[in-house]
């Protein structure tokens, strides 16, 4: 048995044919989130970005390929290598090359067509015994073979026509040429489509950096062929292929990412002749506490706290996004690029970030970032954790840190009020850190950069937008709602702003519920402004049930349905009070709300009537308070 590491350029470039034995399973890699393909694509994109950004390039090991060869294969024929283990990887590699080829065709980077085909096909020659078979560098299992050959031999347009004309495959594609998304669509097709689309999106993303499609495709191909490496295990005739396969895929517990980081850190300490025992006792031992090994969920990811810490720390220090699935590798790259003078200094910085992270997890109320940590916990938003780590590690006065943390809270809450997306927050965080690092005055640079962001994906909403959102945006309706914990937090903060020294001290927190002052089911007890009683709450429901409405009534019903869901019509009440007043008319609600300990409710109860005009006036009042609480300058 021989085992050697090779880049994919070598593994895929030889004149050979990878043969999937008949007993192997079908191609099974999936494109769902947290499955194999998104992770593969993240790794691949990282390799391309290293090249586009001219960063230090490190090989990424992509597992092992185990193969065997039949003895006495005829000279001149293509050498066959039977895959004992690794058919999923080899098949994915081939699909990746096909995707590059077709995206290159779309962008008219025609040079890459021949380049990629050289890794997909063996050049035909008269010495081949079976040219129709030997021309393929991958010979899949009989189950996948026909479809694979249909993909590899055709351009994307030709493939669409091929699928439409096939009795077997015509059900996988829509008439407009798009692939269907059902789980019954073969993985071969889904993976090829997925990689093609991700590449196109990546090319568009990199256009913002002034990079041409040809440059991006070249970086993808180079990152793929030279950035990925596999260990090729060539079995000898006397090796038991099944026993080796079982050993490599056994039940032993794999090393955790933090285990790998620990091993790497102390291996480097040994090379620099630092006292490993002293490093462990004085700097590393804190990470051996059970706190760090406990799995917690942040967003959609449930991982050990140590993994989250490392990911956030690397983002904070490098101002670039990281692949959380490869956190050990990300840290190793960062540590080598940073080139700390000593391992002790490296661990001191990690311990500083760890202390901040733990204070956030433990909800330390004495921490300067305590308010922001609470917001991030309520919003379930760990994207900003690297920013918290970075700010807290800066040599700034506490008042400056407090201001920056307040600005971040304002940014999150104001965008929530205005219904703006959170999808771009990872780029916002890395951009703010990167910009602030480059300036002598990080506080000024931080504020200036955040204020300069434009576009709905990242900008700080203006005071006028916040006022408009309070008055018009449907925040809490039957069909679309801001999550209740977030609404509760916003109303809770406004309540505290309204209270004065004569108010009783009460706790406004999770024991309160959100109540529509004018209820969602208002038709029975809340006449319209023209004095009529609506047959139901919506015009479409009225039409469905055969109720004839004049234009004025339709308009009033639509205006009311919209007003009911706005922030101007929302308040906080105790659970029992909510159940007691429900869909009651205004006189009943007014009496109960007037007895409330909350300033929010007493002010509402001071109104003789509660209608669309009252809601609009209250929305304007609440919006002014919100703009004061979450002002864009953090003051």
Foldseek 3Di string as FASTA:
>chain_A
DDKDKDFQCVVLQDQAAEEEDQPDDAQDFDDDPPTDLVLVVQLLVVQLVCVVVVHDADADEDEAWEWEFDPPDDPLAHGYTYTLDDPNPVLLLLLLLLLLLQLCVVVVVNVSVVVSLSSAFDDDDPSHPDRVPSGGNYQYHPVCRVVSCLSNVDHLVSSLVVQCPDPVRNVQADPVSHGDDDPPHDRSVVSSVVSNVVLVVVQVVCVVVVDHSVSSSVSSVCCRRGRYMYIYHYDDPPDDSVVVVCVVVDDDDDDDLVSLLVVVLVVVQVVVVHDSVCCCVPFVVVCVDVQQQAWDDQPNDTGGNVLLLLQLQLCLVPLDHDSSVNSSVSNVSSCVVVVDVHSSVVRVLSVLSVVQSVCLVVLPVPDLLSVLSVVCVLVSNCLCSSVLSNLVPDPDDSVLSNLLSLLVVLQVLQLLLLVFDAVCSNNVNSVLSVQLVVDPHSSVSSLVSQCPDDDSNRHRDDLVSSLCSQQFPLAAAPVDHDDFQSLQVLQQVLLVVPDDPPADDDDRHDQKGKAFLQALFAQPAPAFPVRHRDPTQAPVVCVVVPHDDDPVVNVRSVLQNRLSRHNLRMHIDGPVVCVVCPNHHNVVSLVSLCPDSTPVSVVVSVDPHDDSVSSSVSSNVSSVSSCVSSPNRSD
